[in-house]
Amino acid sequence: DVIPGEKMSMQAIENYLRGLPEEKLREILN
């Protein structure tokens, strides 16, 4: 919902994760 399929990559995922607050980050990583 936040990264289009054609743009999905390790770099795109990392960039998104680094903008999240700790609680939301852990929710996704878990």
PDB file of all heavy atoms in Angstrom:
ATOM      1  N   ASP A   1       0.819  -1.219   0.000  1.00  0.00           N
ATOM      2  CA  ASP A   1       0.000   0.000   0.000  1.00  0.00           C
ATOM      3  C   ASP A   1       0.852   1.267   0.000  1.00  0.00           C
ATOM      4  O   ASP A   1       0.345   2.349  -0.326  1.00  0.00           O
ATOM      5  CB  ASP A   1      -0.928   0.018   1.216  1.00  0.00           C
ATOM      6  CG  ASP A   1      -2.007  -1.047   1.139  1.00  0.00           C
ATOM      7  OD1 ASP A   1      -2.303  -1.487   0.015  1.00  0.00           O
ATOM      8  OD2 ASP A   1      -2.535  -1.439   2.188  1.00  0.00           O
ATOM      9  N   VAL A   2       2.126   1.136   0.364  1.00  0.00           N
ATOM     10  CA  VAL A   2       2.984   2.320   0.444  1.00  0.00           C
ATOM     11  C   VAL A   2       4.122   2.295  -0.577  1.00  0.00           C
ATOM     12  O   VAL A   2       4.721   3.332  -0.868  1.00  0.00           O
ATOM     13  CB  VAL A   2       3.563   2.480   1.868  1.00  0.00           C
ATOM     14  CG1 VAL A   2       2.462   2.814   2.854  1.00  0.00           C
ATOM     15  CG2 VAL A   2       4.329   1.239   2.306  1.00  0.00           C
ATOM     16  N   ILE A   3       4.429   1.103  -1.114  1.00  0.00           N
ATOM     17  CA  ILE A   3       5.467   0.981  -2.140  1.00  0.00           C
ATOM     18  C   ILE A   3       4.877   0.229  -3.329  1.00  0.00           C
ATOM     19  O   ILE A   3       4.530  -0.941  -3.201  1.00  0.00           O
ATOM     20  CB  ILE A   3       6.714   0.228  -1.620  1.00  0.00           C
ATOM     21  CG1 ILE A   3       7.279   0.889  -0.365  1.00  0.00           C
ATOM     22  CG2 ILE A   3       7.798   0.170  -2.713  1.00  0.00           C
ATOM     23  CD1 ILE A   3       8.436   0.124   0.260  1.00  0.00           C
ATOM     24  N   PRO A   4       4.728   0.877  -4.491  1.00  0.00           N
ATOM     25  CA  PRO A   4       4.170   0.195  -5.665  1.00  0.00           C
ATOM     26  C   PRO A   4       5.003  -1.028  -6.029  1.00  0.00           C
ATOM     27  O   PRO A   4       6.228  -1.050  -5.826  1.00  0.00           O
ATOM     28  CB  PRO A   4       4.253   1.259  -6.768  1.00  0.00           C
ATOM     29  CG  PRO A   4       4.358   2.564  -6.051  1.00  0.00           C
ATOM     30  CD  PRO A   4       5.087   2.283  -4.773  1.00  0.00           C
ATOM     31  N   GLY A   5       4.339  -2.049  -6.567  1.00  0.00           N
ATOM     32  CA  GLY A   5       5.002  -3.297  -6.893  1.00  0.00           C
ATOM     33  C   GLY A   5       6.210  -3.131  -7.784  1.00  0.00           C
ATOM     34  O   GLY A   5       7.258  -3.754  -7.567  1.00  0.00           O
ATOM     35  N   GLU A   6       6.101  -2.245  -8.792  1.00  0.00           N
ATOM     36  CA  GLU A   6       7.216  -2.051  -9.715  1.00  0.00           C
ATOM     37  C   GLU A   6       8.395  -1.325  -9.064  1.00  0.00           C
ATOM     38  O   GLU A   6       9.513  -1.333  -9.588  1.00  0.00           O
ATOM     39  CB  GLU A   6       6.763  -1.285 -10.966  1.00  0.00           C
ATOM     40  CG  GLU A   6       6.365   0.161 -10.738  1.00  0.00           C
ATOM     41  CD  GLU A   6       4.921   0.333 -10.274  1.00  0.00           C
ATOM     42  OE1 GLU A   6       4.298  -0.704  -9.950  1.00  0.00           O
ATOM     43  OE2 GLU A   6       4.438   1.466 -10.254  1.00  0.00           O
ATOM     44  N   LYS A   7       8.150  -0.690  -7.910  1.00  0.00           N
ATOM     45  CA  LYS A   7       9.205   0.033  -7.201  1.00  0.00           C
ATOM     46  C   LYS A   7       9.738  -0.745  -5.998  1.00  0.00           C
ATOM     47  O   LYS A   7      10.657  -0.292  -5.311  1.00  0.00           O
ATOM     48  CB  LYS A   7       8.682   1.387  -6.715  1.00  0.00           C
ATOM     49  CG  LYS A   7       8.267   2.353  -7.826  1.00  0.00           C
ATOM     50  CD  LYS A   7       9.467   2.859  -8.592  1.00  0.00           C
ATOM     51  CE  LYS A   7       9.073   3.928  -9.598  1.00  0.00           C
ATOM     52  NZ  LYS A   7      10.251   4.421 -10.363  1.00  0.00           N
ATOM     53  N   MET A   8       9.154  -1.918  -5.733  1.00  0.00           N
ATOM     54  CA  MET A   8       9.531  -2.689  -4.560  1.00  0.00           C
ATOM     55  C   MET A   8      10.952  -3.219  -4.709  1.00  0.00           C
ATOM     56  O   MET A   8      11.268  -3.936  -5.658  1.00  0.00           O
ATOM     57  CB  MET A   8       8.558  -3.851  -4.346  1.00  0.00           C
ATOM     58  CG  MET A   8       8.730  -4.573  -3.021  1.00  0.00           C
ATOM     59  SD  MET A   8       8.182  -3.596  -1.596  1.00  0.00           S
ATOM     60  CE  MET A   8       6.387  -3.651  -1.811  1.00  0.00           C
ATOM     61  N   SER A   9      11.813  -2.851  -3.780  1.00  0.00           N
ATOM     62  CA  SER A   9      13.191  -3.320  -3.760  1.00  0.00           C
ATOM     63  C   SER A   9      13.696  -3.237  -2.338  1.00  0.00           C
ATOM     64  O   SER A   9      13.049  -2.640  -1.462  1.00  0.00           O
ATOM     65  CB  SER A   9      14.080  -2.472  -4.686  1.00  0.00           C
ATOM     66  OG  SER A   9      14.209  -1.152  -4.179  1.00  0.00           O
ATOM     67  N   MET A  10      14.854  -3.807  -2.087  1.00  0.00           N
ATOM     68  CA  MET A  10      15.433  -3.733  -0.758  1.00  0.00           C
ATOM     69  C   MET A  10      15.680  -2.282  -0.360  1.00  0.00           C
ATOM     70  O   MET A  10      15.424  -1.878   0.780  1.00  0.00           O
ATOM     71  CB  MET A  10      16.740  -4.517  -0.704  1.00  0.00           C
ATOM     72  CG  MET A  10      17.327  -4.623   0.699  1.00  0.00           C
ATOM     73  SD  MET A  10      18.926  -5.445   0.704  1.00  0.00           S
ATOM     74  CE  MET A  10      19.945  -4.153  -0.045  1.00  0.00           C
ATOM     75  N   GLN A  11      16.153  -1.482  -1.318  1.00  0.00           N
ATOM     76  CA  GLN A  11      16.423  -0.075  -1.023  1.00  0.00           C
ATOM     77  C   GLN A  11      15.149   0.686  -0.700  1.00  0.00           C
ATOM     78  O   GLN A  11      15.117   1.497   0.234  1.00  0.00           O
ATOM     79  CB  GLN A  11      17.129   0.583  -2.217  1.00  0.00           C
ATOM     80  CG  GLN A  11      18.561   0.112  -2.419  1.00  0.00           C
ATOM     81  CD  GLN A  11      18.670  -1.114  -3.315  1.00  0.00           C
ATOM     82  OE1 GLN A  11      17.702  -1.858  -3.468  1.00  0.00           O
ATOM     83  NE2 GLN A  11      19.831  -1.329  -3.895  1.00  0.00           N
ATOM     84  N   ALA A  12      14.083   0.426  -1.462  1.00  0.00           N
ATOM     85  CA  ALA A  12      12.813   1.106  -1.212  1.00  0.00           C
ATOM     86  C   ALA A  12      12.244   0.719   0.154  1.00  0.00           C
ATOM     87  O   ALA A  12      11.714   1.571   0.886  1.00  0.00           O
ATOM     88  CB  ALA A  12      11.815   0.779  -2.315  1.00  0.00           C
ATOM     89  N   ILE A  13      12.369  -0.559   0.489  1.00  0.00           N
ATOM     90  CA  ILE A  13      11.874  -1.026   1.787  1.00  0.00           C
ATOM     91  C   ILE A  13      12.670  -0.381   2.913  1.00  0.00           C
ATOM     92  O   ILE A  13      12.111   0.106   3.899  1.00  0.00           O
ATOM     93  CB  ILE A  13      11.959  -2.561   1.873  1.00  0.00           C
ATOM     94  CG1 ILE A  13      10.979  -3.205   0.885  1.00  0.00           C
ATOM     95  CG2 ILE A  13      11.675  -3.034   3.294  1.00  0.00           C
ATOM     96  CD1 ILE A  13      11.109  -4.704   0.787  1.00  0.00           C
ATOM     97  N   GLU A  14      13.989  -0.354   2.775  1.00  0.00           N
ATOM     98  CA  GLU A  14      14.824   0.244   3.822  1.00  0.00           C
ATOM     99  C   GLU A  14      14.516   1.724   3.998  1.00  0.00           C
ATOM    100  O   GLU A  14      14.408   2.219   5.138  1.00  0.00           O
ATOM    101  CB  GLU A  14      16.308   0.055   3.497  1.00  0.00           C
ATOM    102  CG  GLU A  14      17.216   0.660   4.560  1.00  0.00           C
ATOM    103  CD  GLU A  14      18.690   0.430   4.291  1.00  0.00           C
ATOM    104  OE1 GLU A  14      19.020  -0.319   3.351  1.00  0.00           O
ATOM    105  OE2 GLU A  14      19.508   1.026   5.020  1.00  0.00           O
ATOM    106  N   ASN A  15      14.382   2.442   2.900  1.00  0.00           N
ATOM    107  CA  ASN A  15      14.074   3.875   2.996  1.00  0.00           C
ATOM    108  C   ASN A  15      12.753   4.114   3.719  1.00  0.00           C
ATOM    109  O   ASN A  15      12.629   5.053   4.525  1.00  0.00           O
ATOM    110  CB  ASN A  15      14.017   4.487   1.595  1.00  0.00           C
ATOM    111  CG  ASN A  15      15.383   4.579   0.945  1.00  0.00           C
ATOM    112  OD1 ASN A  15      16.400   4.573   1.628  1.00  0.00           O
ATOM    113  ND2 ASN A  15      15.409   4.650  -0.371  1.00  0.00           N
ATOM    114  N   TYR A  16      11.773   3.279   3.458  1.00  0.00           N
ATOM    115  CA  TYR A  16      10.483   3.430   4.136  1.00  0.00           C
ATOM    116  C   TYR A  16      10.609   3.110   5.631  1.00  0.00           C
ATOM    117  O   TYR A  16      10.105   3.858   6.480  1.00  0.00           O
ATOM    118  CB  TYR A  16       9.445   2.514   3.496  1.00  0.00           C
ATOM    119  CG  TYR A  16       8.116   2.524   4.226  1.00  0.00           C
ATOM    120  CD1 TYR A  16       7.265   3.619   4.138  1.00  0.00           C
ATOM    121  CD2 TYR A  16       7.737   1.446   5.028  1.00  0.00           C
ATOM    122  CE1 TYR A  16       6.056   3.638   4.833  1.00  0.00           C
ATOM    123  CE2 TYR A  16       6.536   1.460   5.713  1.00  0.00           C
ATOM    124  CZ  TYR A  16       5.699   2.560   5.617  1.00  0.00           C
ATOM    125  OH  TYR A  16       4.514   2.582   6.304  1.00  0.00           O
ATOM    126  N   LEU A  17      11.298   2.025   5.939  1.00  0.00           N
ATOM    127  CA  LEU A  17      11.425   1.627   7.337  1.00  0.00           C
ATOM    128  C   LEU A  17      12.142   2.683   8.168  1.00  0.00           C
ATOM    129  O   LEU A  17      11.804   2.911   9.335  1.00  0.00           O
ATOM    130  CB  LEU A  17      12.179   0.296   7.429  1.00  0.00           C
ATOM    131  CG  LEU A  17      11.487  -0.942   6.852  1.00  0.00           C
ATOM    132  CD1 LEU A  17      12.396  -2.164   6.978  1.00  0.00           C
ATOM    133  CD2 LEU A  17      10.151  -1.209   7.543  1.00  0.00           C
ATOM    134  N   ARG A  18      13.121   3.350   7.586  1.00  0.00           N
ATOM    135  CA  ARG A  18      13.899   4.328   8.345  1.00  0.00           C
ATOM    136  C   ARG A  18      13.101   5.582   8.680  1.00  0.00           C
ATOM    137  O   ARG A  18      13.518   6.389   9.508  1.00  0.00           O
ATOM    138  CB  ARG A  18      15.179   4.685   7.594  1.00  0.00           C
ATOM    139  CG  ARG A  18      16.154   3.516   7.511  1.00  0.00           C
ATOM    140  CD  ARG A  18      17.571   3.928   7.295  1.00  0.00           C
ATOM    141  NE  ARG A  18      18.458   2.763   7.250  1.00  0.00           N
ATOM    142  CZ  ARG A  18      18.938   2.143   8.325  1.00  0.00           C
ATOM    143  NH1 ARG A  18      18.612   2.588   9.532  1.00  0.00           N
ATOM    144  NH2 ARG A  18      19.731   1.089   8.209  1.00  0.00           N
ATOM    145  N   GLY A  19      11.943   5.753   8.073  1.00  0.00           N
ATOM    146  CA  GLY A  19      11.094   6.887   8.392  1.00  0.00           C
ATOM    147  C   GLY A  19      10.013   6.583   9.405  1.00  0.00           C
ATOM    148  O   GLY A  19       9.189   7.454   9.722  1.00  0.00           O
ATOM    149  N   LEU A  20      10.009   5.360   9.947  1.00  0.00           N
ATOM    150  CA  LEU A  20       8.954   4.943  10.876  1.00  0.00           C
ATOM    151  C   LEU A  20       9.361   5.142  12.329  1.00  0.00           C
ATOM    152  O   LEU A  20      10.541   5.005  12.677  1.00  0.00           O
ATOM    153  CB  LEU A  20       8.620   3.461  10.656  1.00  0.00           C
ATOM    154  CG  LEU A  20       8.049   3.059   9.294  1.00  0.00           C
ATOM    155  CD1 LEU A  20       7.833   1.553   9.246  1.00  0.00           C
ATOM    156  CD2 LEU A  20       6.750   3.789   9.012  1.00  0.00           C
ATOM    157  N   PRO A  21       8.393   5.407  13.200  1.00  0.00           N
ATOM    158  CA  PRO A  21       8.677   5.412  14.636  1.00  0.00           C
ATOM    159  C   PRO A  21       8.958   3.990  15.108  1.00  0.00           C
ATOM    160  O   PRO A  21       8.589   3.007  14.448  1.00  0.00           O
ATOM    161  CB  PRO A  21       7.382   5.959  15.252  1.00  0.00           C
ATOM    162  CG  PRO A  21       6.322   5.685  14.225  1.00  0.00           C
ATOM    163  CD  PRO A  21       6.994   5.773  12.895  1.00  0.00           C
ATOM    164  N   GLU A  22       9.635   3.863  16.250  1.00  0.00           N
ATOM    165  CA  GLU A  22      10.097   2.567  16.752  1.00  0.00           C
ATOM    166  C   GLU A  22       8.980   1.526  16.824  1.00  0.00           C
ATOM    167  O   GLU A  22       9.141   0.376  16.396  1.00  0.00           O
ATOM    168  CB  GLU A  22      10.722   2.762  18.146  1.00  0.00           C
ATOM    169  CG  GLU A  22      11.098   1.468  18.862  1.00  0.00           C
ATOM    170  CD  GLU A  22      12.300   0.753  18.255  1.00  0.00           C
ATOM    171  OE1 GLU A  22      13.030   1.410  17.476  1.00  0.00           O
ATOM    172  OE2 GLU A  22      12.500  -0.427  18.558  1.00  0.00           O
ATOM    173  N   GLU A  23       7.828   1.903  17.372  1.00  0.00           N
ATOM    174  CA  GLU A  23       6.743   0.940  17.567  1.00  0.00           C
ATOM    175  C   GLU A  23       6.239   0.386  16.230  1.00  0.00           C
ATOM    176  O   GLU A  23       6.032  -0.823  16.080  1.00  0.00           O
ATOM    177  CB  GLU A  23       5.585   1.601  18.325  1.00  0.00           C
ATOM    178  CG  GLU A  23       4.450   0.642  18.658  1.00  0.00           C
ATOM    179  CD  GLU A  23       3.353   1.308  19.473  1.00  0.00           C
ATOM    180  OE1 GLU A  23       3.566   2.446  19.971  1.00  0.00           O
ATOM    181  OE2 GLU A  23       2.275   0.702  19.619  1.00  0.00           O
ATOM    182  N   LYS A  24       6.054   1.262  15.244  1.00  0.00           N
ATOM    183  CA  LYS A  24       5.585   0.828  13.935  1.00  0.00           C
ATOM    184  C   LYS A  24       6.649   0.001  13.226  1.00  0.00           C
ATOM    185  O   LYS A  24       6.341  -0.996  12.554  1.00  0.00           O
ATOM    186  CB  LYS A  24       5.208   2.043  13.089  1.00  0.00           C
ATOM    187  CG  LYS A  24       4.668   1.715  11.709  1.00  0.00           C
ATOM    188  CD  LYS A  24       3.382   0.895  11.773  1.00  0.00           C
ATOM    189  CE  LYS A  24       2.818   0.642  10.387  1.00  0.00           C
ATOM    190  NZ  LYS A  24       1.590  -0.171  10.409  1.00  0.00           N
ATOM    191  N   LEU A  25       7.914   0.385  13.379  1.00  0.00           N
ATOM    192  CA  LEU A  25       9.010  -0.373  12.773  1.00  0.00           C
ATOM    193  C   LEU A  25       9.007  -1.807  13.292  1.00  0.00           C
ATOM    194  O   LEU A  25       9.082  -2.764  12.509  1.00  0.00           O
ATOM    195  CB  LEU A  25      10.345   0.305  13.090  1.00  0.00           C
ATOM    196  CG  LEU A  25      11.604  -0.474  12.712  1.00  0.00           C
ATOM    197  CD1 LEU A  25      11.695  -0.656  11.205  1.00  0.00           C
ATOM    198  CD2 LEU A  25      12.853   0.210  13.261  1.00  0.00           C
ATOM    199  N   ARG A  26       8.925  -1.960  14.602  1.00  0.00           N
ATOM    200  CA  ARG A  26       8.937  -3.300  15.194  1.00  0.00           C
ATOM    201  C   ARG A  26       7.725  -4.112  14.744  1.00  0.00           C
ATOM    202  O   ARG A  26       7.815  -5.322  14.531  1.00  0.00           O
ATOM    203  CB  ARG A  26       8.968  -3.196  16.718  1.00  0.00           C
ATOM    204  CG  ARG A  26      10.291  -2.750  17.286  1.00  0.00           C
ATOM    205  CD  ARG A  26      11.393  -3.734  16.974  1.00  0.00           C
ATOM    206  NE  ARG A  26      12.685  -3.307  17.501  1.00  0.00           N
ATOM    207  CZ  ARG A  26      13.828  -3.944  17.260  1.00  0.00           C
ATOM    208  NH1 ARG A  26      13.826  -5.019  16.488  1.00  0.00           N
ATOM    209  NH2 ARG A  26      14.966  -3.503  17.753  1.00  0.00           N
ATOM    210  N   GLU A  27       6.605  -3.458  14.614  1.00  0.00           N
ATOM    211  CA  GLU A  27       5.387  -4.150  14.178  1.00  0.00           C
ATOM    212  C   GLU A  27       5.592  -4.795  12.805  1.00  0.00           C
ATOM    213  O   GLU A  27       5.177  -5.929  12.572  1.00  0.00           O
ATOM    214  CB  GLU A  27       4.226  -3.165  14.127  1.00  0.00           C
ATOM    215  CG  GLU A  27       2.913  -3.786  13.655  1.00  0.00           C
ATOM    216  CD  GLU A  27       1.808  -2.758  13.497  1.00  0.00           C
ATOM    217  OE1 GLU A  27       1.901  -1.685  14.137  1.00  0.00           O
ATOM    218  OE2 GLU A  27       0.871  -3.017  12.718  1.00  0.00           O
ATOM    219  N   ILE A  28       6.249  -4.058  11.917  1.00  0.00           N
ATOM    220  CA  ILE A  28       6.473  -4.585  10.565  1.00  0.00           C
ATOM    221  C   ILE A  28       7.565  -5.654  10.568  1.00  0.00           C
ATOM    222  O   ILE A  28       7.402  -6.734   9.980  1.00  0.00           O
ATOM    223  CB  ILE A  28       6.836  -3.447   9.596  1.00  0.00           C
ATOM    224  CG1 ILE A  28       5.628  -2.526   9.409  1.00  0.00           C
ATOM    225  CG2 ILE A  28       7.298  -4.008   8.248  1.00  0.00           C
ATOM    226  CD1 ILE A  28       5.887  -1.336   8.520  1.00  0.00           C
ATOM    227  N   LEU A  29       8.683  -5.383  11.231  1.00  0.00           N
ATOM    228  CA  LEU A  29       9.770  -6.366  11.253  1.00  0.00           C
ATOM    229  C   LEU A  29       9.325  -7.682  11.873  1.00  0.00           C
ATOM    230  O   LEU A  29       9.741  -8.765  11.438  1.00  0.00           O
ATOM    231  CB  LEU A  29      10.971  -5.805  12.034  1.00  0.00           C
ATOM    232  CG  LEU A  29      11.652  -4.563  11.473  1.00  0.00           C
ATOM    233  CD1 LEU A  29      12.884  -4.222  12.300  1.00  0.00           C
ATOM    234  CD2 LEU A  29      12.028  -4.747  10.010  1.00  0.00           C
ATOM    235  N   ASN A  30       8.462  -7.607  12.883  1.00  0.00           N
ATOM    236  CA  ASN A  30       8.003  -8.815  13.567  1.00  0.00           C
ATOM    237  C   ASN A  30       7.045  -9.652  12.729  1.00  0.00           C
ATOM    238  O   ASN A  30       6.693 -10.770  13.123  1.00  0.00           O
ATOM    239  CB  ASN A  30       7.344  -8.449  14.898  1.00  0.00           C
ATOM    240  CG  ASN A  30       8.342  -7.963  15.924  1.00  0.00           C
ATOM    241  OD1 ASN A  30       9.536  -8.244  15.841  1.00  0.00           O
ATOM    242  ND2 ASN A  30       7.863  -7.207  16.908  1.00  0.00           N
TER     243      ASN A  30
END
